N, C-alpha and C. Protein backbone atom coordinates (compact mmCIF):
# COMPACT_ATOMS: atom_id res chain seq x y z
N MET A 1 9.40 15.35 -8.25
CA MET A 1 9.19 14.96 -6.86
C MET A 1 7.96 14.04 -6.80
N THR A 2 8.06 13.00 -6.02
CA THR A 2 6.94 12.07 -5.92
C THR A 2 5.91 12.59 -4.92
N GLU A 3 4.69 12.19 -5.16
CA GLU A 3 3.59 12.55 -4.27
C GLU A 3 3.70 11.73 -2.98
N PRO A 4 3.26 12.28 -1.85
CA PRO A 4 3.29 11.52 -0.59
C PRO A 4 2.52 10.20 -0.69
N ALA A 5 1.39 10.20 -1.41
CA ALA A 5 0.61 8.97 -1.54
C ALA A 5 1.41 7.90 -2.28
N GLU A 6 2.19 8.31 -3.27
CA GLU A 6 3.03 7.36 -3.99
C GLU A 6 4.09 6.76 -3.07
N THR A 7 4.66 7.60 -2.23
CA THR A 7 5.67 7.14 -1.28
C THR A 7 5.07 6.13 -0.31
N TRP A 8 3.89 6.45 0.22
CA TRP A 8 3.23 5.54 1.15
C TRP A 8 2.83 4.23 0.47
N ALA A 9 2.37 4.32 -0.77
CA ALA A 9 1.99 3.11 -1.51
C ALA A 9 3.22 2.22 -1.72
N LYS A 10 4.35 2.83 -2.05
CA LYS A 10 5.59 2.07 -2.24
C LYS A 10 6.01 1.41 -0.93
N GLN A 11 5.91 2.13 0.17
CA GLN A 11 6.27 1.56 1.47
C GLN A 11 5.33 0.41 1.83
N LEU A 12 4.06 0.55 1.53
CA LEU A 12 3.10 -0.51 1.78
C LEU A 12 3.46 -1.75 0.96
N GLN A 13 3.80 -1.54 -0.30
CA GLN A 13 4.21 -2.66 -1.15
C GLN A 13 5.45 -3.34 -0.58
N ASP A 14 6.41 -2.56 -0.12
CA ASP A 14 7.63 -3.12 0.44
C ASP A 14 7.35 -3.94 1.69
N LEU A 15 6.45 -3.45 2.53
CA LEU A 15 6.12 -4.15 3.77
C LEU A 15 5.35 -5.44 3.54
N THR A 16 4.44 -5.41 2.59
CA THR A 16 3.57 -6.56 2.37
C THR A 16 4.12 -7.52 1.33
N GLY A 17 5.09 -7.07 0.54
CA GLY A 17 5.61 -7.91 -0.52
C GLY A 17 4.65 -8.00 -1.69
N ASP A 18 3.64 -7.15 -1.71
CA ASP A 18 2.65 -7.14 -2.78
C ASP A 18 3.20 -6.37 -3.97
N SER A 19 3.06 -6.92 -5.16
CA SER A 19 3.58 -6.24 -6.34
C SER A 19 2.51 -5.45 -7.08
N ASP A 20 1.29 -5.44 -6.58
CA ASP A 20 0.20 -4.73 -7.25
C ASP A 20 0.19 -3.26 -6.84
N GLU A 21 0.78 -2.41 -7.69
CA GLU A 21 0.89 -0.98 -7.39
C GLU A 21 -0.48 -0.32 -7.29
N LYS A 22 -1.39 -0.71 -8.18
CA LYS A 22 -2.72 -0.10 -8.21
C LYS A 22 -3.47 -0.37 -6.90
N SER A 23 -3.40 -1.58 -6.42
CA SER A 23 -4.07 -1.95 -5.17
C SER A 23 -3.49 -1.18 -3.98
N ALA A 24 -2.18 -1.07 -3.92
CA ALA A 24 -1.53 -0.35 -2.83
C ALA A 24 -1.91 1.13 -2.88
N ALA A 25 -1.90 1.72 -4.07
CA ALA A 25 -2.24 3.14 -4.21
C ALA A 25 -3.70 3.38 -3.83
N GLU A 26 -4.58 2.47 -4.22
CA GLU A 26 -6.00 2.61 -3.87
C GLU A 26 -6.20 2.52 -2.35
N PHE A 27 -5.50 1.59 -1.71
CA PHE A 27 -5.60 1.46 -0.26
C PHE A 27 -5.14 2.74 0.43
N VAL A 28 -4.02 3.29 -0.02
CA VAL A 28 -3.49 4.52 0.57
C VAL A 28 -4.48 5.67 0.39
N ARG A 29 -5.07 5.79 -0.80
CA ARG A 29 -6.06 6.86 -1.03
C ARG A 29 -7.27 6.68 -0.12
N ASP A 30 -7.76 5.46 0.00
CA ASP A 30 -8.92 5.19 0.86
C ASP A 30 -8.60 5.49 2.32
N LEU A 31 -7.42 5.09 2.75
CA LEU A 31 -7.00 5.34 4.13
C LEU A 31 -6.90 6.83 4.40
N TYR A 32 -6.30 7.57 3.46
CA TYR A 32 -6.18 9.02 3.60
C TYR A 32 -7.55 9.67 3.67
N GLU A 33 -8.45 9.24 2.80
CA GLU A 33 -9.80 9.82 2.78
C GLU A 33 -10.52 9.58 4.11
N CYS A 34 -10.41 8.38 4.65
CA CYS A 34 -11.05 8.07 5.93
C CYS A 34 -10.45 8.90 7.06
N ALA A 35 -9.14 9.03 7.05
CA ALA A 35 -8.47 9.83 8.09
C ALA A 35 -8.88 11.30 7.98
N GLN A 36 -8.97 11.80 6.76
CA GLN A 36 -9.37 13.19 6.57
C GLN A 36 -10.81 13.41 7.02
N ASN A 37 -11.69 12.48 6.73
CA ASN A 37 -13.08 12.58 7.18
C ASN A 37 -13.17 12.57 8.70
N ASP A 38 -12.38 11.73 9.35
CA ASP A 38 -12.37 11.70 10.82
C ASP A 38 -11.89 13.04 11.38
N LEU A 39 -10.85 13.60 10.80
CA LEU A 39 -10.36 14.91 11.25
C LEU A 39 -11.41 15.99 11.05
N ASP A 40 -12.08 15.97 9.91
CA ASP A 40 -13.14 16.94 9.65
C ASP A 40 -14.25 16.83 10.68
N ASP A 41 -14.63 15.60 11.03
CA ASP A 41 -15.66 15.38 12.04
C ASP A 41 -15.22 15.90 13.40
N GLN A 42 -13.95 15.66 13.75
CA GLN A 42 -13.43 16.15 15.03
C GLN A 42 -13.42 17.67 15.07
N ARG A 43 -13.02 18.29 13.97
CA ARG A 43 -12.99 19.76 13.91
C ARG A 43 -14.40 20.32 14.02
N ALA A 44 -15.35 19.69 13.34
CA ALA A 44 -16.73 20.16 13.38
C ALA A 44 -17.28 20.03 14.80
N GLN A 45 -16.98 18.92 15.47
CA GLN A 45 -17.44 18.73 16.84
C GLN A 45 -16.82 19.77 17.77
N ALA A 46 -15.52 20.03 17.61
CA ALA A 46 -14.85 21.01 18.45
C ALA A 46 -15.42 22.42 18.21
N GLU A 47 -15.70 22.74 16.97
CA GLU A 47 -16.28 24.05 16.66
C GLU A 47 -17.69 24.17 17.26
N TYR A 48 -18.46 23.11 17.17
CA TYR A 48 -19.80 23.09 17.76
C TYR A 48 -19.73 23.31 19.27
N GLU A 49 -18.79 22.64 19.92
CA GLU A 49 -18.66 22.77 21.38
C GLU A 49 -18.19 24.17 21.77
N ARG A 50 -17.34 24.80 20.96
CA ARG A 50 -16.89 26.16 21.25
C ARG A 50 -18.04 27.16 21.13
N GLU A 51 -18.94 26.91 20.19
CA GLU A 51 -20.04 27.84 19.97
C GLU A 51 -21.12 27.75 21.05
N GLU A 52 -21.17 26.64 21.75
CA GLU A 52 -22.21 26.50 22.77
C GLU A 52 -21.85 27.15 24.05
């Protein structure tokens, strides 16, 4: 079974017509990491507000 990041990288390549798999995979990883950090920040803020 393929990893979700691999699937997203393949879709990105298909959309952009870019043949560089490494670049697409790196972009997907960076995007995921940024999204995860944003979610973590939102959760931390919500927890802080609940505690006050």
